[in-house]
Protein backbone atom coordinates (compact mmCIF):
# COMPACT_ATOMS: atom_id res chain seq x y z
CA UNK A 1 -52.42 49.56 174.60
CA UNK A 2 -56.01 48.62 173.74
CA UNK A 3 -55.80 45.78 176.26
CA UNK A 4 -54.70 48.26 178.96
CA UNK A 5 -57.59 50.60 178.18
CA UNK A 6 -60.12 47.76 178.27
CA UNK A 7 -58.82 46.65 181.66
CA UNK A 8 -59.20 50.16 183.07
CA UNK A 9 -62.73 50.53 181.67
CA UNK A 10 -63.70 47.17 183.13
CA UNK A 11 -62.26 48.16 186.51
CA UNK A 12 -64.27 51.37 186.59
CA UNK A 13 -67.49 49.51 185.73
CA UNK A 14 -66.95 46.92 188.45
CA UNK A 15 -66.07 49.58 191.02
CA UNK A 16 -69.47 51.13 190.45
CA UNK A 17 -71.09 47.94 191.75
CA UNK A 18 -71.37 46.87 195.38
CA UNK A 19 -68.77 44.29 196.37
CA UNK A 20 -69.01 41.84 199.30
CA UNK A 21 -67.33 42.83 202.56
CA UNK A 22 -63.58 42.38 202.34
CA UNK A 23 -63.50 41.96 198.54
CA UNK A 24 -61.29 44.58 196.91
CA UNK A 25 -60.39 45.48 193.34
CA UNK A 26 -56.97 46.84 192.34
CA UNK A 27 -56.04 48.26 188.96
CA UNK A 28 -52.32 48.80 188.27
CA UNK A 29 -49.98 50.27 185.70
CA UNK A 30 -46.56 48.65 185.19
CA UNK A 31 -43.44 50.19 183.69
CA UNK A 32 -40.02 48.51 183.48
CA UNK A 33 -37.72 46.41 181.36
CA UNK A 34 -37.10 42.80 180.35
CA UNK A 35 -33.75 41.56 181.68
CA UNK A 36 -31.08 39.88 179.55
CA UNK A 37 -30.10 37.39 182.23
CA UNK A 38 -28.02 35.07 180.02
CA UNK A 39 -25.21 35.94 177.60
CA UNK A 40 -26.52 33.28 175.19
CA UNK A 41 -29.79 35.17 174.57
CA UNK A 42 -29.87 36.24 170.92
CA UNK A 43 -32.95 38.48 170.95
CA UNK A 44 -32.80 42.27 170.75
CA UNK A 45 -33.87 43.89 174.02
CA UNK A 46 -36.01 47.06 174.01
CA UNK A 47 -35.33 50.06 176.22
CA UNK A 48 -38.52 49.54 178.26
CA UNK A 49 -41.75 47.59 178.55
CA UNK A 50 -45.12 48.49 180.02
CA UNK A 51 -48.38 46.85 180.97
CA UNK A 52 -51.31 46.69 183.34
CA UNK A 53 -52.89 44.39 185.90
CA UNK A 54 -56.32 43.84 187.40
CA UNK A 55 -56.50 41.96 190.70
CA UNK A 56 -59.55 40.80 192.67
CA UNK A 57 -58.58 40.09 196.26
CA UNK A 58 -60.33 38.96 199.43
CA UNK A 59 -59.16 40.11 202.87
CA UNK A 60 -59.45 37.37 205.50
CA UNK A 61 -60.49 38.58 208.94
CA UNK A 62 -60.98 35.57 211.18
CA UNK A 63 -64.06 33.75 209.92
CA UNK A 64 -62.01 30.54 209.64
CA UNK A 65 -59.61 29.03 212.13
CA UNK A 66 -56.49 29.54 210.02
CA UNK A 67 -57.04 33.26 209.26
CA UNK A 68 -55.56 34.51 212.53
CA UNK A 69 -53.05 31.65 212.63
CA UNK A 70 -51.60 32.81 209.28
CA UNK A 71 -51.70 36.55 209.96
CA UNK A 72 -54.92 37.43 208.08
CA UNK A 73 -53.54 37.14 204.50
CA UNK A 74 -55.30 38.27 201.32
CA UNK A 75 -56.28 35.90 198.52
CA UNK A 76 -56.52 37.16 194.97
CA UNK A 77 -56.72 36.29 191.31
CA UNK A 78 -55.14 38.63 188.77
CA UNK A 79 -54.92 39.12 185.03
CA UNK A 80 -51.89 40.99 183.70
CA UNK A 81 -50.57 42.24 180.39
CA UNK A 82 -46.92 43.02 179.56
CA UNK A 83 -45.90 44.63 176.28
CA UNK A 84 -42.26 43.74 175.78
CA UNK A 85 -41.37 46.61 173.45
CA UNK A 86 -40.13 44.12 170.85
CA UNK A 87 -43.21 43.06 168.87
CA UNK A 88 -41.33 41.10 166.22
CA UNK A 89 -39.25 38.80 168.47
CA UNK A 90 -40.99 38.65 171.88
CA UNK A 91 -44.46 40.14 171.37
CA UNK A 92 -46.56 40.46 174.51
CA UNK A 93 -47.10 38.38 177.65
CA UNK A 94 -50.57 37.81 179.11
CA UNK A 95 -51.07 35.99 182.41
CA UNK A 96 -53.76 34.81 184.82
CA UNK A 97 -52.50 33.94 188.30
CA UNK A 98 -53.89 33.28 191.78
CA UNK A 99 -51.93 35.20 194.41
CA UNK A 100 -51.45 35.53 198.15
CA UNK A 101 -50.50 38.73 200.00
CA UNK A 102 -49.05 38.95 203.51
CA UNK A 103 -48.31 42.10 205.53
CA UNK A 104 -44.88 42.54 207.09
CA UNK A 105 -45.84 45.84 208.76
CA UNK A 106 -49.42 46.98 209.30
CA UNK A 107 -50.95 50.09 210.86
CA UNK A 108 -54.22 51.95 210.40
CA UNK A 109 -53.30 53.67 207.12
CA UNK A 110 -50.02 52.03 206.08
CA UNK A 111 -48.87 48.52 205.13
CA UNK A 112 -45.61 46.99 203.95
CA UNK A 113 -46.59 43.87 202.02
CA UNK A 114 -45.28 41.03 199.90
CA UNK A 115 -47.21 39.12 197.26
CA UNK A 116 -46.58 35.82 195.50
CA UNK A 117 -48.48 34.85 192.36
CA UNK A 118 -48.33 31.56 190.44
CA UNK A 119 -50.35 30.89 187.30
CA UNK A 120 -50.35 30.51 183.54
CA UNK A 121 -49.09 32.92 180.90
CA UNK A 122 -49.18 33.24 177.13
CA UNK A 123 -46.20 34.57 175.16
CA UNK A 124 -47.50 35.76 171.79
CA UNK A 125 -44.18 35.42 169.91
CA UNK A 126 -42.30 32.28 171.07
CA UNK A 127 -39.34 30.71 169.28
CA UNK A 128 -40.01 29.38 165.80
CA UNK A 129 -37.22 27.94 163.69
CA UNK A 130 -38.49 29.62 160.52
CA UNK A 131 -40.43 32.74 161.52
CA UNK A 132 -38.84 33.77 164.85
CA UNK A 133 -35.41 32.13 165.30
CA UNK A 134 -33.92 34.91 167.49
CA UNK A 135 -36.22 34.40 170.48
CA UNK A 136 -34.31 31.62 172.24
CA UNK A 137 -35.86 32.56 175.60
CA UNK A 138 -39.21 30.73 175.34
CA UNK A 139 -40.21 27.91 172.98
CA UNK A 140 -43.99 27.71 173.64
CA UNK A 141 -47.09 29.88 173.68
CA UNK A 142 -48.31 28.52 177.04
CA UNK A 143 -45.99 28.98 180.01
CA UNK A 144 -45.77 29.13 183.75
CA UNK A 145 -46.05 32.64 185.19
CA UNK A 146 -44.46 33.56 188.53
CA UNK A 147 -44.91 37.03 190.01
CA UNK A 148 -43.10 38.44 193.08
CA UNK A 149 -44.17 41.83 194.41
CA UNK A 150 -42.89 43.98 197.30
CA UNK A 151 -44.59 47.26 198.05
CA UNK A 152 -46.31 49.67 200.39
CA UNK A 153 -49.98 50.57 200.67
CA UNK A 154 -51.16 54.01 201.76
CA UNK A 155 -54.82 54.27 202.69
CA UNK A 156 -55.58 57.91 201.87
CA UNK A 157 -59.37 57.47 201.92
CA UNK A 158 -61.78 55.04 203.58
CA UNK A 159 -62.37 53.33 200.23
CA UNK A 160 -59.01 53.72 198.46
CA UNK A 161 -55.40 52.56 198.81
CA UNK A 162 -52.43 53.69 196.73
CA UNK A 163 -49.91 50.88 196.22
CA UNK A 164 -46.47 51.64 194.74
CA UNK A 165 -44.28 48.54 194.49
CA UNK A 166 -41.48 46.69 192.72
CA UNK A 167 -42.50 43.55 190.79
CA UNK A 168 -40.51 40.70 189.26
CA UNK A 169 -42.29 38.55 186.66
CA UNK A 170 -41.02 35.30 185.13
CA UNK A 171 -42.34 33.29 182.16
CA UNK A 172 -41.01 29.82 181.31
CA UNK A 173 -42.22 26.30 180.49
CA UNK A 174 -39.69 24.28 182.55
CA UNK A 175 -38.18 22.62 179.46
CA UNK A 176 -41.45 21.04 178.32
CA UNK A 177 -40.65 22.77 175.01
CA UNK A 178 -37.19 24.08 174.17
CA UNK A 179 -35.66 26.65 174.17
CA UNK A 180 -36.42 27.63 177.75
CA UNK A 181 -34.08 30.31 179.08
CA UNK A 182 -37.14 32.17 180.38
CA UNK A 183 -38.38 35.76 180.20
CA UNK A 184 -37.69 37.95 183.26
CA UNK A 185 -39.32 41.38 183.57
CA UNK A 186 -38.57 43.87 186.37
CA UNK A 187 -41.16 46.64 186.73
CA UNK A 188 -42.36 49.48 188.90
CA UNK A 189 -46.03 48.88 189.66
CA UNK A 190 -48.42 51.62 190.72
CA UNK A 191 -51.79 50.32 191.87
CA UNK A 192 -55.01 51.94 193.00
CA UNK A 193 -57.21 49.67 195.11
CA UNK A 194 -60.95 50.27 195.55
CA UNK A 195 -62.46 48.95 198.80
CA UNK A 196 -66.23 49.39 198.69
CA UNK A 197 -66.86 47.64 202.02
CA UNK A 198 -63.46 47.49 203.76
CA UNK A 199 -62.50 45.40 206.75
CA UNK A 200 -61.88 47.66 209.72
CA UNK A 201 -59.95 46.92 212.91
CA UNK A 202 -63.07 46.06 214.94
CA UNK A 203 -64.26 43.61 212.23
CA UNK A 204 -61.44 41.13 212.89
CA UNK A 205 -62.54 37.99 214.71
CA UNK A 206 -59.96 37.36 217.42
CA UNK A 207 -60.09 33.96 219.11
CA UNK A 208 -60.17 33.69 222.87
CA UNK A 209 -57.36 31.93 224.71
CA UNK A 210 -59.59 28.87 225.14
CA UNK A 211 -60.26 28.70 221.39
CA UNK A 212 -56.64 29.08 220.28
CA UNK A 213 -55.03 25.80 219.23
CA UNK A 214 -51.45 25.46 220.41
CA UNK A 215 -48.52 24.69 218.14
CA UNK A 216 -48.72 21.21 216.64
CA UNK A 217 -45.65 19.42 218.04
CA UNK A 218 -46.23 16.07 216.34
CA UNK A 219 -43.81 14.92 213.62
CA UNK A 220 -45.84 14.43 210.44
CA UNK A 221 -44.66 12.39 207.45
CA UNK A 222 -45.48 13.06 203.78
CA UNK A 223 -45.33 10.85 200.70
CA UNK A 224 -45.52 12.28 197.14
CA UNK A 225 -45.68 10.72 193.66
CA UNK A 226 -45.73 12.94 190.55
CA UNK A 227 -45.25 12.85 186.77
CA UNK A 228 -43.81 15.44 184.39
CA UNK A 229 -42.49 15.73 180.82
CA UNK A 230 -39.60 17.53 179.14
CA UNK A 231 -37.97 18.07 175.76
CA UNK A 232 -34.47 16.79 175.17
CA UNK A 233 -32.10 19.25 173.51
CA UNK A 234 -34.19 19.81 170.35
CA UNK A 235 -37.13 22.15 169.83
CA UNK A 236 -40.32 20.22 169.00
CA UNK A 237 -38.49 16.96 169.64
CA UNK A 238 -39.86 13.98 171.58
CA UNK A 239 -41.11 14.61 175.12
CA UNK A 240 -39.85 12.18 177.74
CA UNK A 241 -41.55 11.35 181.06
CA UNK A 242 -40.07 12.22 184.44
CA UNK A 243 -41.23 10.15 187.42
CA UNK A 244 -40.72 11.56 190.90
CA UNK A 245 -41.42 10.24 194.39
CA UNK A 246 -40.35 11.37 197.85
CA UNK A 247 -40.77 10.69 201.56
CA UNK A 248 -40.14 13.27 204.28
CA UNK A 249 -40.69 14.09 207.96
CA UNK A 250 -41.85 17.53 209.04
CA UNK A 251 -42.28 19.54 212.23
CA UNK A 252 -44.18 22.82 212.74
CA UNK A 253 -41.84 25.49 214.13
CA UNK A 254 -44.69 28.03 214.16
CA UNK A 255 -48.43 27.67 213.58
CA UNK A 256 -48.03 28.44 209.88
CA UNK A 257 -44.56 27.15 209.03
CA UNK A 258 -42.81 23.81 209.23
CA UNK A 259 -39.44 22.42 208.28
CA UNK A 260 -38.97 19.09 206.49
CA UNK A 261 -36.19 16.64 205.71
CA UNK A 262 -36.41 13.63 203.43
CA UNK A 263 -35.26 11.58 200.48
CA UNK A 264 -36.47 11.69 196.86
CA UNK A 265 -36.09 9.68 193.67
CA UNK A 266 -36.31 10.88 190.04
CA UNK A 267 -36.44 8.74 186.92
CA UNK A 268 -35.44 10.80 183.85
CA UNK A 269 -36.82 9.25 180.66
CA UNK A 270 -34.57 11.29 178.37
CA UNK A 271 -31.45 9.96 180.15
CA UNK A 272 -32.60 6.40 179.56
CA UNK A 273 -33.23 7.12 175.85
CA UNK A 274 -29.79 8.70 175.50
CA UNK A 275 -27.87 5.81 177.09
CA UNK A 276 -29.94 3.21 175.22
CA UNK A 277 -29.04 4.69 171.83
CA UNK A 278 -25.41 5.45 172.67
CA UNK A 279 -22.97 2.59 172.13
CA UNK A 280 -20.61 3.82 174.83
CA UNK A 281 -22.78 2.48 177.66
CA UNK A 282 -22.98 -1.19 176.73
CA UNK A 283 -23.10 -3.43 179.79
CA UNK A 284 -24.34 -0.73 182.18
CA UNK A 285 -27.71 -0.72 183.94
CA UNK A 286 -29.46 1.88 181.81
CA UNK A 287 -32.40 2.29 184.18
CA UNK A 288 -30.00 3.05 187.02
CA UNK A 289 -28.19 5.62 184.85
CA UNK A 290 -31.56 7.37 184.40
CA UNK A 291 -32.15 7.43 188.17
CA UNK A 292 -31.33 10.19 190.64
CA UNK A 293 -31.50 9.98 194.42
CA UNK A 294 -31.07 12.96 196.73
CA UNK A 295 -31.48 14.04 200.34
CA UNK A 296 -33.31 17.31 200.89
CA UNK A 297 -34.41 19.90 203.41
CA UNK A 298 -37.48 22.06 202.84
CA UNK A 299 -39.51 24.88 204.32
CA UNK A 300 -43.31 24.72 204.03
CA UNK A 301 -45.41 27.86 204.54
CA UNK A 302 -49.00 26.98 205.38
CA UNK A 303 -51.91 29.26 204.44
CA UNK A 304 -54.97 27.34 205.51
CA UNK A 305 -55.14 24.27 203.28
CA UNK A 306 -52.69 25.75 200.76
CA UNK A 307 -48.95 25.41 201.14
CA UNK A 308 -45.84 26.73 199.42
CA UNK A 309 -42.61 24.72 199.67
CA UNK A 310 -39.02 25.71 198.95
CA UNK A 311 -36.64 22.74 198.85
CA UNK A 312 -32.90 22.23 198.44
CA UNK A 313 -31.66 18.75 197.56
CA UNK A 314 -28.17 17.21 197.46
CA UNK A 315 -27.57 14.25 195.15
CA UNK A 316 -26.35 10.91 196.42
CA UNK A 317 -25.95 9.75 192.80
CA UNK A 318 -23.87 11.15 189.93
CA UNK A 319 -25.37 9.48 186.89
CA UNK A 320 -25.43 10.38 183.19
CA UNK A 321 -27.11 13.69 182.43
CA UNK A 322 -27.21 14.83 186.07
CA UNK A 323 -26.63 18.59 185.80
CA UNK A 324 -25.13 19.47 189.20
CA UNK A 325 -24.51 18.25 192.73
CA UNK A 326 -27.65 19.96 194.09
CA UNK A 327 -31.12 21.04 192.98
CA UNK A 328 -33.90 23.44 193.96
CA UNK A 329 -37.58 22.49 193.96
CA UNK A 330 -40.52 24.87 194.38
CA UNK A 331 -43.94 23.38 195.03
CA UNK A 332 -47.52 24.38 195.65
CA UNK A 333 -49.88 22.05 197.50
CA UNK A 334 -53.60 21.97 198.17
CA UNK A 335 -54.63 19.83 201.13
CA UNK A 336 -58.16 18.43 201.12
CA UNK A 337 -58.26 18.89 204.91
CA UNK A 338 -56.22 21.19 207.16
CA UNK A 339 -52.97 19.29 207.96
CA UNK A 340 -52.50 21.39 211.09
CA UNK A 341 -55.68 19.97 212.62
CA UNK A 342 -55.84 16.52 210.97
CA UNK A 343 -53.44 13.60 211.32
CA UNK A 344 -54.12 12.29 207.79
CA UNK A 345 -54.31 14.91 205.01
CA UNK A 346 -54.27 13.98 201.28
CA UNK A 347 -53.17 16.66 198.79
CA UNK A 348 -52.46 17.48 195.17
CA UNK A 349 -49.22 19.19 194.18
CA UNK A 350 -47.57 21.10 191.34
CA UNK A 351 -43.80 21.28 191.46
CA UNK A 352 -40.90 22.75 189.48
CA UNK A 353 -37.34 21.44 189.74
CA UNK A 354 -34.32 23.48 188.65
CA UNK A 355 -30.51 23.53 188.62
CA UNK A 356 -28.52 26.79 188.68
CA UNK A 357 -31.82 28.79 188.27
CA UNK A 358 -32.61 26.86 185.04
CA UNK A 359 -35.82 24.81 185.25
CA UNK A 360 -35.57 21.12 184.39
CA UNK A 361 -39.24 20.06 184.52
CA UNK A 362 -42.73 20.64 185.92
CA UNK A 363 -44.70 17.80 187.46
CA UNK A 364 -48.19 17.21 188.85
CA UNK A 365 -48.91 14.62 191.48
CA UNK A 366 -50.69 13.37 194.58
CA UNK A 367 -49.55 12.82 198.12
CA UNK A 368 -50.51 12.17 201.70
CA UNK A 369 -49.46 13.59 205.05
CA UNK A 370 -49.78 11.17 207.94
């Protein structure tokens, strides 16, 4: 509760200061419940949880080429606090996450919007074999934080918006430290946004027909190489490397969205260690048993030089330790130049791979579109 009060006091102090044009500040209250999404979860679930959020956001309005192309989205960075209601076994969750907001419906005083946030979170009471054995949801203090928000915004005053919404928040570490069933929290979020110097309709910079760049119809290839780590079955056990590489071809179907198809290869270090120390696999190629090859299709949403990718892959292999016949990969990319306007565009990427909604690993890597 003290954290919530401090956030509100800080928000009031900042609101008293002049903010740059298009920079807004939203303070929110959250009320909801953690979800017991797996029957194997042993922790006691409280009746409700609550928290608060403070979000700085910047409204784009056409100063850069991609603003209009991507529908004038909002960038933000938020800090949030969730009190689980179970201090002894789960504690609290604190997160810092960059976020992007897009409007599905927009009028003068009303918006229907969606927001995606990806960042880092701290769980204050993770699993501990001696002091907290019942929390088999998260095995580390530091975790990934994913936030999905769908809501409406009512502008009831020139400088204020009221934003009721539904928010889904997820904390997990993608098996870098077991256990890793993940914490899922569903909340109602009520936000009040202060807009000291708001962007009005006549402030938007609309390109002329001569300035508008047509849809990029060229097929563009991408190559990625990344590295991750994961635990293997035992909490605080050895962490094994995961090597990943892929090659794909993509085509823009709109100015801010393109579809991709390609092939990828994973080398799972824990699978190699298992087969090497298990006498039942004598005579087999152990490196091949640790390899996975799959074909995939993906959708890439471009927001300037940032991109979000959702990918579904289907395995060509069926080697030891391979969880399922298909996988899901979610990735974020930052391109050093705009790939819509440049033939060659290097990038960095963070990716999470999962099977049946259970994360297998996180990885960080580099790539190139060409």
